[in-house]
Amino acid sequence: MKHTLRFRAYLPDDVASEAWRHIDILRQIRNHAVRGYYNSDYNDKPSDYDQHSKLKDWTDQWPTFADPSQHAAQQAISQIHSDLETLKERRNEGYDVGRLQWQGNGEFRSVSYNQSRRWNVDYNAGDDRFVRLRLEKIGWFNIRADRDVPPAENIDEVILKKETTGEWYVSLVTTVEDTPEKPPLSEIEPEDCVGVDLGITSYIHTSENLSVDTLDLSEEYDRYAREQRKLDRKEHGSANWEKQRRKVAQAKRTIKRKVRDYQHKLTTWLVTEYDVVAVEDLDVKPMMETSQNAKNKQDAAWSRFIELLEYKADLHGTHVEKVKPEGTTKECAVCGVETAKPIWVREHSCPACGHTEDRDLNAAKNILYRGLTQLGAGRSESTPVQTALPTFTPRSEAVDAKRVVEAGSPGA
């Protein structure tokens, strides 16, 4: 499987200037390819190979198009067609998707290479904390080696990106061969399976009755709002505006990093603690558009949480099964009868069998049962709670978000 290592990069001024100039030219090539695709006949859309072959004609017409690596230009065009395939898949799944958008100055921020002859790695940087990296037509620069940097021949792809804060980062994509095998379902014990309900009052609530709080980012959002108000008072495009824009980007980056770190710790704990993790397959976009809790759901970043969970499951040999969330809150985990309840009602009480428990715990149990059924591990001769869950309901335990951040996992 593919594994991505991200490093902070330190580019000399001349190299940074050249890299940013090349990225902007790649943005223009990308926009030109997008326009050519959408302006072509519906039944004769160009492929990425068709547009690669047109690069020579484009560079003859616009000589600056020849300045960046032509391999990087082909990669930018290939990414367009990869994005188009993603849009097509989402459309076929019933999602309302639009078109690829024209990207303005500064919106396209990266350059990528996927052929090993396009880069070099030098471990003799004169400082053990750094390794030197060279990219075709951009030049040499240092990356901070806070972990082992793979040799050039073991790298599948290199992506250089300039963040909105002005910092540069390099992502090295490698292939991990010796990932553990996922255990056979017949050998997995019920206590090694967990259902995860994603929520607002708690970040996650598991079928073992463990709830983990959401992060308190109120101070970070206050700072972000202050910096944004200062930016609104600056003259757009001025030196002071650019300086303040970076402060806004830094405040936003702080929030993003804290959420990402939190998600990394939670997902790592789940895939190392359990052999099967069932989780809701949420479609976040319409929820963000219609819910009054959109900000909280954006903070939660559930889509990225699920992506991290699946990614780490492959690294650790854990089954992750996504299930449809519809009805998991209404359905009784014992008898299966549905009972509608408004969001402010936090307890599930079944009028059919009399079963009563926490609303999120009930949903987590249903999620686990659905996940095991989809995997083919359920047994039809018993009720959901008997087949998919331990025969006991553990005592409720709430974990403060600060404990996760400091310790690294809820169980630490």
Protein backbone atom coordinates (compact mmCIF):
# COMPACT_ATOMS: atom_id res chain seq x y z
CA MET A 1 0.00 0.00 0.00
CA LYS A 2 0.99 3.63 -0.45
CA HIS A 3 2.39 5.51 2.54
CA THR A 4 2.97 9.27 2.58
CA LEU A 5 5.71 10.96 4.62
CA ARG A 6 5.44 14.74 5.02
CA PHE A 7 8.47 16.92 5.76
CA ARG A 8 8.99 20.63 6.31
CA ALA A 9 11.08 22.06 3.46
CA TYR A 10 13.44 25.03 3.58
CA LEU A 11 14.00 26.55 0.16
CA PRO A 12 16.66 29.22 -0.51
CA ASP A 13 15.12 32.46 -1.75
CA ASP A 14 16.13 31.91 -5.37
CA VAL A 15 14.88 28.30 -5.36
CA ALA A 16 11.61 29.30 -3.64
CA SER A 17 11.06 32.06 -6.19
CA GLU A 18 11.69 29.69 -9.09
CA ALA A 19 9.50 26.96 -7.59
CA TRP A 20 6.61 29.38 -7.10
CA ARG A 21 7.01 30.71 -10.67
CA HIS A 22 6.86 27.16 -12.04
CA ILE A 23 3.81 26.35 -9.94
CA ASP A 24 2.01 29.40 -11.30
CA ILE A 25 2.83 28.35 -14.88
CA LEU A 26 1.51 24.87 -14.08
CA ARG A 27 -1.67 26.56 -12.84
CA GLN A 28 -2.05 28.24 -16.24
CA ILE A 29 -1.44 24.92 -18.04
CA ARG A 30 -3.98 23.27 -15.78
CA ASN A 31 -6.59 25.97 -16.48
CA HIS A 32 -5.91 25.73 -20.21
CA ALA A 33 -6.45 21.95 -20.10
CA VAL A 34 -9.68 22.31 -18.09
CA ARG A 35 -11.02 24.86 -20.56
CA GLY A 36 -10.05 22.62 -23.51
CA TYR A 37 -11.82 19.68 -21.93
CA TYR A 38 -15.10 21.48 -21.27
CA ASN A 39 -15.06 23.30 -24.63
CA SER A 40 -14.74 20.04 -26.57
CA ASP A 41 -17.70 18.12 -27.97
CA TYR A 42 -19.61 16.11 -25.36
CA ASN A 43 -19.06 12.87 -27.29
CA ASP A 44 -15.40 13.59 -28.04
CA LYS A 45 -13.84 14.62 -24.74
CA PRO A 46 -10.01 14.50 -24.74
CA SER A 47 -8.19 11.97 -22.53
CA ASP A 48 -5.17 12.87 -20.43
CA TYR A 49 -2.99 11.28 -23.14
CA ASP A 50 -4.65 13.49 -25.78
CA GLN A 51 -3.89 16.60 -23.76
CA HIS A 52 -0.34 15.45 -22.98
CA SER A 53 0.29 15.29 -26.73
CA LYS A 54 -0.93 18.87 -27.12
CA LEU A 55 1.66 20.23 -24.68
CA LYS A 56 4.21 20.72 -27.49
CA ASP A 57 1.74 22.86 -29.44
CA TRP A 58 0.91 24.85 -26.31
CA THR A 59 4.58 25.52 -25.53
CA ASP A 60 5.10 26.71 -29.13
CA GLN A 61 2.21 29.13 -28.71
CA TRP A 62 3.08 30.18 -25.13
CA PRO A 63 6.87 29.75 -24.61
CA THR A 64 6.64 30.15 -20.82
CA PHE A 65 4.76 26.83 -20.73
CA ALA A 66 8.12 25.18 -21.49
CA ASP A 67 9.84 26.59 -18.37
CA PRO A 68 8.62 24.03 -15.77
CA SER A 69 9.42 20.35 -16.02
CA GLN A 70 7.26 18.93 -18.80
CA HIS A 71 6.82 15.84 -16.68
CA ALA A 72 5.34 18.04 -13.93
CA ALA A 73 3.08 19.64 -16.56
CA GLN A 74 1.84 16.19 -17.58
CA GLN A 75 1.22 15.39 -13.92
CA ALA A 76 -0.89 18.54 -13.56
CA ILE A 77 -2.98 17.48 -16.57
CA SER A 78 -3.29 13.89 -15.29
CA GLN A 79 -4.57 15.22 -11.97
CA ILE A 80 -7.40 16.97 -13.85
CA HIS A 81 -8.55 13.68 -15.34
CA SER A 82 -8.20 11.92 -11.99
CA ASP A 83 -10.45 14.61 -10.47
CA LEU A 84 -12.92 14.18 -13.35
CA GLU A 85 -13.11 10.44 -12.65
CA THR A 86 -13.78 11.17 -8.98
CA LEU A 87 -16.59 13.56 -9.91
CA LYS A 88 -18.05 10.95 -12.25
CA GLU A 89 -18.02 8.28 -9.53
CA ARG A 90 -19.69 10.63 -7.06
CA ARG A 91 -22.32 11.56 -9.66
CA ASN A 92 -23.03 7.88 -10.33
CA GLU A 93 -23.52 7.38 -6.60
CA GLY A 94 -26.25 10.00 -6.64
CA TYR A 95 -24.33 12.99 -5.30
CA ASP A 96 -24.87 16.45 -6.78
CA VAL A 97 -21.45 17.46 -8.10
CA GLY A 98 -20.37 20.38 -10.25
CA ARG A 99 -17.48 20.97 -12.63
CA LEU A 100 -13.80 21.57 -12.17
CA GLN A 101 -13.26 25.25 -11.47
CA TRP A 102 -10.82 27.74 -12.95
CA GLN A 103 -8.05 28.39 -10.41
CA GLY A 104 -6.91 31.94 -9.84
CA ASN A 105 -3.51 33.30 -8.89
CA GLY A 106 -2.30 31.58 -5.72
CA GLU A 107 -5.00 28.90 -5.66
CA PHE A 108 -2.82 26.21 -7.31
CA ARG A 109 -0.01 25.60 -4.82
CA SER A 110 1.89 22.38 -5.61
CA VAL A 111 4.04 20.54 -8.12
CA SER A 112 4.42 16.75 -8.30
CA TYR A 113 6.76 14.21 -9.90
CA ASN A 114 6.34 10.43 -10.10
CA GLN A 115 9.50 9.31 -11.92
CA SER A 116 12.60 8.70 -9.79
CA ARG A 117 14.94 10.31 -12.31
CA ARG A 118 13.22 13.63 -11.62
CA TRP A 119 14.67 13.91 -8.09
CA ASN A 120 17.78 13.21 -6.01
CA VAL A 121 18.30 12.68 -2.27
CA ASP A 122 21.57 13.72 -0.56
CA TYR A 123 22.09 12.73 3.08
CA ASN A 124 25.24 14.89 3.40
CA ALA A 125 23.57 18.18 4.22
CA GLY A 126 26.17 19.12 6.84
CA ASP A 127 23.58 18.81 9.62
CA ASP A 128 22.05 15.57 10.90
CA ARG A 129 18.69 17.30 11.25
CA PHE A 130 18.40 17.86 7.49
CA VAL A 131 18.54 15.99 4.19
CA ARG A 132 18.96 17.66 0.81
CA LEU A 133 16.47 17.07 -1.99
CA ARG A 134 16.66 18.13 -5.64
CA LEU A 135 13.68 18.46 -7.95
CA GLU A 136 13.98 18.73 -11.72
CA LYS A 137 14.14 22.34 -12.96
CA ILE A 138 13.67 23.66 -9.41
CA GLY A 139 16.94 22.85 -7.66
CA TRP A 140 18.34 21.73 -4.30
CA PHE A 141 16.83 22.53 -0.91
CA ASN A 142 16.79 21.13 2.64
CA ILE A 143 14.06 19.11 4.29
CA ARG A 144 13.87 18.58 8.05
CA ALA A 145 14.52 14.89 8.72
CA ASP A 146 12.34 14.41 11.81
CA ARG A 147 12.00 10.78 10.65
CA ASP A 148 13.94 8.55 8.26
CA VAL A 149 13.99 9.86 4.69
CA PRO A 150 13.82 6.99 2.17
CA PRO A 151 16.43 6.77 -0.60
CA ALA A 152 15.50 8.20 -3.99
CA GLU A 153 14.91 4.79 -5.57
CA ASN A 154 12.33 3.88 -2.89
CA ILE A 155 10.24 7.00 -3.47
CA ASP A 156 7.26 6.67 -5.84
CA GLU A 157 6.17 10.30 -5.93
CA VAL A 158 7.36 13.68 -4.65
CA ILE A 159 4.96 16.59 -4.05
CA LEU A 160 6.26 20.05 -3.19
CA LYS A 161 3.61 22.42 -1.80
CA LYS A 162 3.58 25.98 -0.53
CA GLU A 163 1.04 26.45 2.25
CA THR A 164 -1.04 29.61 2.59
CA THR A 165 1.16 30.52 5.59
CA GLY A 166 4.15 30.76 3.23
CA GLU A 167 5.79 27.57 4.51
CA TRP A 168 6.96 24.86 2.14
CA TYR A 169 6.35 21.13 2.66
CA VAL A 170 7.40 18.02 0.77
CA SER A 171 5.37 14.80 0.69
CA LEU A 172 7.25 11.61 -0.22
CA VAL A 173 4.99 8.75 -1.31
CA THR A 174 6.40 5.26 -0.78
CA THR A 175 5.11 1.69 -1.00
CA VAL A 176 4.82 -0.35 2.19
CA GLU A 177 5.17 -4.05 1.40
CA ASP A 178 5.03 -5.76 4.79
CA THR A 179 1.66 -4.60 6.13
CA PRO A 180 0.01 -7.16 8.45
CA GLU A 181 -2.77 -9.37 7.14
CA LYS A 182 -6.26 -8.66 8.40
CA PRO A 183 -7.35 -11.53 10.70
CA PRO A 184 -10.00 -13.95 9.39
CA LEU A 185 -13.48 -13.04 10.59
CA SER A 186 -13.94 -16.52 12.06
CA GLU A 187 -11.07 -15.89 14.48
CA ILE A 188 -12.25 -12.49 15.76
CA GLU A 189 -13.82 -12.37 19.21
CA PRO A 190 -16.83 -10.10 19.96
CA GLU A 191 -14.79 -8.00 22.40
CA ASP A 192 -12.38 -7.17 19.55
CA CYS A 193 -15.17 -5.49 17.56
CA VAL A 194 -16.47 -1.97 18.07
CA GLY A 195 -19.10 0.30 16.57
CA VAL A 196 -18.38 4.04 16.43
CA ASP A 197 -21.11 6.67 16.44
CA LEU A 198 -19.93 10.12 15.34
CA GLY A 199 -21.60 12.91 17.26
CA ILE A 200 -21.67 16.51 18.39
CA THR A 201 -22.08 16.25 22.18
CA SER A 202 -19.16 13.79 22.10
CA TYR A 203 -16.72 13.33 19.25
CA ILE A 204 -17.24 9.57 19.19
CA HIS A 205 -19.34 7.16 21.25
CA THR A 206 -18.47 3.48 21.02
CA SER A 207 -20.56 0.34 21.41
CA GLU A 208 -18.55 -0.35 24.59
CA ASN A 209 -20.05 2.84 26.06
CA LEU A 210 -16.90 4.92 25.83
CA SER A 211 -17.53 8.54 24.87
CA VAL A 212 -14.71 10.88 23.85
CA ASP A 213 -15.27 14.62 24.13
CA THR A 214 -14.87 17.08 21.29
CA LEU A 215 -11.90 19.43 21.33
CA ASP A 216 -12.39 22.82 22.94
CA LEU A 217 -11.11 25.22 20.26
CA SER A 218 -12.91 28.34 21.49
CA GLU A 219 -9.67 30.27 22.17
CA GLU A 220 -8.24 29.32 18.77
CA TYR A 221 -11.42 30.43 17.01
CA ASP A 222 -11.44 33.71 18.94
CA ARG A 223 -7.90 34.40 17.75
CA TYR A 224 -8.83 33.46 14.19
CA ALA A 225 -11.83 35.85 14.29
CA ARG A 226 -9.66 38.71 15.63
CA GLU A 227 -7.06 38.24 12.92
CA GLN A 228 -9.78 38.04 10.26
CA ARG A 229 -11.32 41.33 11.46
CA LYS A 230 -7.90 42.99 11.26
CA LEU A 231 -7.50 41.68 7.71
CA ASP A 232 -10.87 43.15 6.70
CA ARG A 233 -9.59 46.60 7.69
CA LYS A 234 -6.48 46.38 5.49
CA GLU A 235 -6.30 47.55 1.90
CA HIS A 236 -6.62 44.47 -0.26
CA GLY A 237 -3.34 43.60 -1.98
CA SER A 238 -1.15 45.94 0.08
CA ALA A 239 1.97 44.80 1.95
CA ASN A 240 0.15 45.13 5.28
CA TRP A 241 -2.76 43.11 3.88
CA GLU A 242 -0.41 40.31 2.81
CA LYS A 243 1.29 40.33 6.22
CA GLN A 244 -2.08 40.10 7.98
CA ARG A 245 -3.32 37.44 5.54
CA ARG A 246 -0.48 35.21 6.69
CA LYS A 247 -1.47 35.75 10.32
CA VAL A 248 -5.01 34.66 9.44
CA ALA A 249 -3.62 31.59 7.67
CA GLN A 250 -1.45 30.77 10.69
CA ALA A 251 -4.43 31.03 13.05
CA LYS A 252 -6.44 28.73 10.79
CA ARG A 253 -3.50 26.33 10.51
CA THR A 254 -3.35 26.06 14.32
CA ILE A 255 -6.97 24.88 14.39
CA LYS A 256 -6.41 22.46 11.54
CA ARG A 257 -3.30 20.95 13.12
CA LYS A 258 -4.95 20.43 16.51
CA VAL A 259 -7.94 18.68 14.93
CA ARG A 260 -5.67 16.53 12.74
CA ASP A 261 -3.46 15.56 15.69
CA TYR A 262 -6.57 14.64 17.69
CA GLN A 263 -7.87 12.50 14.83
CA HIS A 264 -4.52 10.76 14.39
CA LYS A 265 -4.46 9.74 18.05
CA LEU A 266 -8.07 8.52 18.07
CA THR A 267 -7.81 6.55 14.83
CA THR A 268 -4.50 4.97 15.86
CA TRP A 269 -6.08 3.87 19.13
CA LEU A 270 -9.11 2.34 17.37
CA VAL A 271 -7.14 0.31 14.81
CA THR A 272 -4.64 -0.97 17.39
CA GLU A 273 -7.25 -1.76 20.05
CA TYR A 274 -9.77 -3.60 17.83
CA ASP A 275 -9.81 -6.05 14.92
CA VAL A 276 -13.11 -4.76 13.49
CA VAL A 277 -14.24 -1.12 13.53
CA ALA A 278 -17.68 -0.25 12.13
CA VAL A 279 -18.34 3.43 11.48
CA GLU A 280 -21.04 5.59 9.91
CA ASP A 281 -20.53 6.50 6.23
CA LEU A 282 -21.65 10.11 6.59
CA ASP A 283 -22.33 12.41 3.65
CA VAL A 284 -21.12 15.59 5.35
CA LYS A 285 -21.71 18.13 2.57
CA PRO A 286 -25.55 18.36 2.77
CA MET A 287 -25.30 18.30 6.57
CA MET A 288 -22.99 21.32 6.43
CA GLU A 289 -25.35 23.16 4.10
CA THR A 290 -28.55 22.63 6.06
CA SER A 291 -27.66 22.18 9.72
CA GLN A 292 -27.42 24.93 12.30
CA ASN A 293 -24.59 22.87 13.78
CA ALA A 294 -22.51 23.19 10.60
CA LYS A 295 -19.57 24.82 12.39
CA ASN A 296 -19.40 22.01 14.94
CA LYS A 297 -19.54 19.41 12.18
CA GLN A 298 -16.79 21.20 10.29
CA ASP A 299 -14.66 21.18 13.43
CA ALA A 300 -15.30 17.46 13.74
CA ALA A 301 -14.04 16.89 10.17
CA TRP A 302 -15.67 13.48 10.01
CA SER A 303 -14.76 12.79 6.38
CA ARG A 304 -11.06 13.10 7.16
CA PHE A 305 -11.52 11.05 10.33
CA ILE A 306 -12.99 8.17 8.31
CA GLU A 307 -10.26 8.46 5.67
CA LEU A 308 -7.57 8.28 8.36
CA LEU A 309 -9.33 5.32 9.94
CA GLU A 310 -9.36 3.36 6.66
CA TYR A 311 -5.77 4.33 5.86
CA LYS A 312 -4.45 3.21 9.26
CA ALA A 313 -6.55 0.06 9.20
CA ASP A 314 -4.56 -1.10 6.18
CA LEU A 315 -1.31 -0.31 7.98
CA HIS A 316 -2.29 -2.24 11.13
CA GLY A 317 -4.36 -5.09 9.65
CA THR A 318 -7.77 -4.02 10.96
CA HIS A 319 -11.17 -4.43 9.29
CA VAL A 320 -12.97 -1.08 8.87
CA GLU A 321 -16.54 -1.27 7.60
CA LYS A 322 -18.58 1.80 6.69
CA VAL A 323 -22.34 1.50 7.12
CA LYS A 324 -25.29 3.66 6.15
CA PRO A 325 -26.21 5.90 9.08
CA GLU A 326 -29.94 6.12 8.29
CA GLY A 327 -32.00 4.72 11.14
CA THR A 328 -29.15 3.85 13.48
CA THR A 329 -30.49 6.28 16.09
CA LYS A 330 -34.16 5.32 15.68
CA GLU A 331 -33.72 1.55 15.58
CA CYS A 332 -33.68 -0.38 18.86
CA ALA A 333 -30.47 -2.39 19.24
CA VAL A 334 -32.39 -5.20 20.97
CA CYS A 335 -35.61 -5.72 18.99
CA GLY A 336 -35.06 -3.59 15.87
CA VAL A 337 -38.25 -1.50 16.23
CA GLU A 338 -37.80 2.10 15.04
CA THR A 339 -38.76 5.00 17.29
CA ALA A 340 -38.49 8.60 16.06
CA LYS A 341 -36.89 11.02 18.49
CA PRO A 342 -35.76 14.67 18.19
CA ILE A 343 -32.06 15.43 18.52
CA TRP A 344 -32.41 16.92 22.00
CA VAL A 345 -33.71 13.61 23.39
CA ARG A 346 -30.52 11.90 24.53
CA GLU A 347 -32.02 8.61 25.74
CA HIS A 348 -33.36 5.71 23.68
CA SER A 349 -36.50 4.15 25.11
CA CYS A 350 -38.13 1.39 23.07
CA PRO A 351 -41.95 1.24 23.33
CA ALA A 352 -41.93 -2.35 22.02
CA CYS A 353 -39.48 -4.16 24.30
CA GLY A 354 -38.87 -1.54 26.99
CA HIS A 355 -35.12 -1.38 26.36
CA THR A 356 -33.62 1.90 27.63
CA GLU A 357 -30.10 3.26 27.24
CA ASP A 358 -28.08 6.24 26.02
CA ARG A 359 -29.09 7.34 22.53
CA ASP A 360 -25.52 7.33 21.15
CA LEU A 361 -24.73 3.94 22.72
CA ASN A 362 -27.80 2.46 21.05
CA ALA A 363 -26.70 3.91 17.70
CA ALA A 364 -23.14 2.59 18.13
CA LYS A 365 -24.48 -0.92 18.74
CA ASN A 366 -26.61 -0.73 15.60
CA ILE A 367 -23.59 0.48 13.63
CA LEU A 368 -21.52 -2.45 14.86
CA TYR A 369 -24.26 -4.95 14.02
CA ARG A 370 -24.65 -3.54 10.50
CA GLY A 371 -20.89 -3.58 9.99
CA LEU A 372 -20.57 -7.20 11.06
CA THR A 373 -23.54 -8.16 8.88
CA GLN A 374 -21.92 -6.49 5.84
CA LEU A 375 -18.67 -8.31 6.57
CA GLY A 376 -20.58 -11.60 6.77
CA ALA A 377 -19.83 -12.11 10.46
CA GLY A 378 -23.41 -11.84 11.77
CA ARG A 379 -25.47 -14.83 12.88
CA SER A 380 -29.13 -14.85 11.90
CA GLU A 381 -30.31 -17.22 14.65
CA SER A 382 -30.04 -14.59 17.39
CA THR A 383 -30.98 -10.99 17.99
CA PRO A 384 -28.63 -8.13 16.96
CA VAL A 385 -27.35 -7.48 20.47
CA GLN A 386 -26.63 -11.20 20.97
CA THR A 387 -24.77 -11.71 17.71
CA ALA A 388 -22.83 -8.51 17.26
CA LEU A 389 -22.15 -7.42 20.81
CA PRO A 390 -20.79 -8.74 24.09
CA THR A 391 -23.51 -10.04 26.38
CA PHE A 392 -22.86 -7.28 28.89
CA THR A 393 -23.12 -3.51 28.65
CA PRO A 394 -20.05 -1.91 30.22
CA ARG A 395 -20.29 1.02 32.56
CA SER A 396 -20.26 4.37 30.77
CA GLU A 397 -16.88 6.06 30.61
CA ALA A 398 -16.33 9.59 29.35
CA VAL A 399 -12.90 10.66 28.14
CA ASP A 400 -11.91 14.31 28.16
CA ALA A 401 -10.41 15.57 24.90
CA LYS A 402 -7.43 16.97 26.81
CA ARG A 403 -6.59 13.47 27.99
CA VAL A 404 -6.50 12.23 24.39
CA VAL A 405 -4.26 15.12 23.30
CA GLU A 406 -1.81 14.69 26.19
CA ALA A 407 -1.73 10.91 26.44
CA GLY A 408 -2.14 9.95 22.81
CA SER A 409 -5.14 7.63 23.19
CA PRO A 410 -8.27 7.29 25.36
CA GLY A 411 -6.93 4.14 26.99
CA ALA A 412 -3.55 5.55 28.01
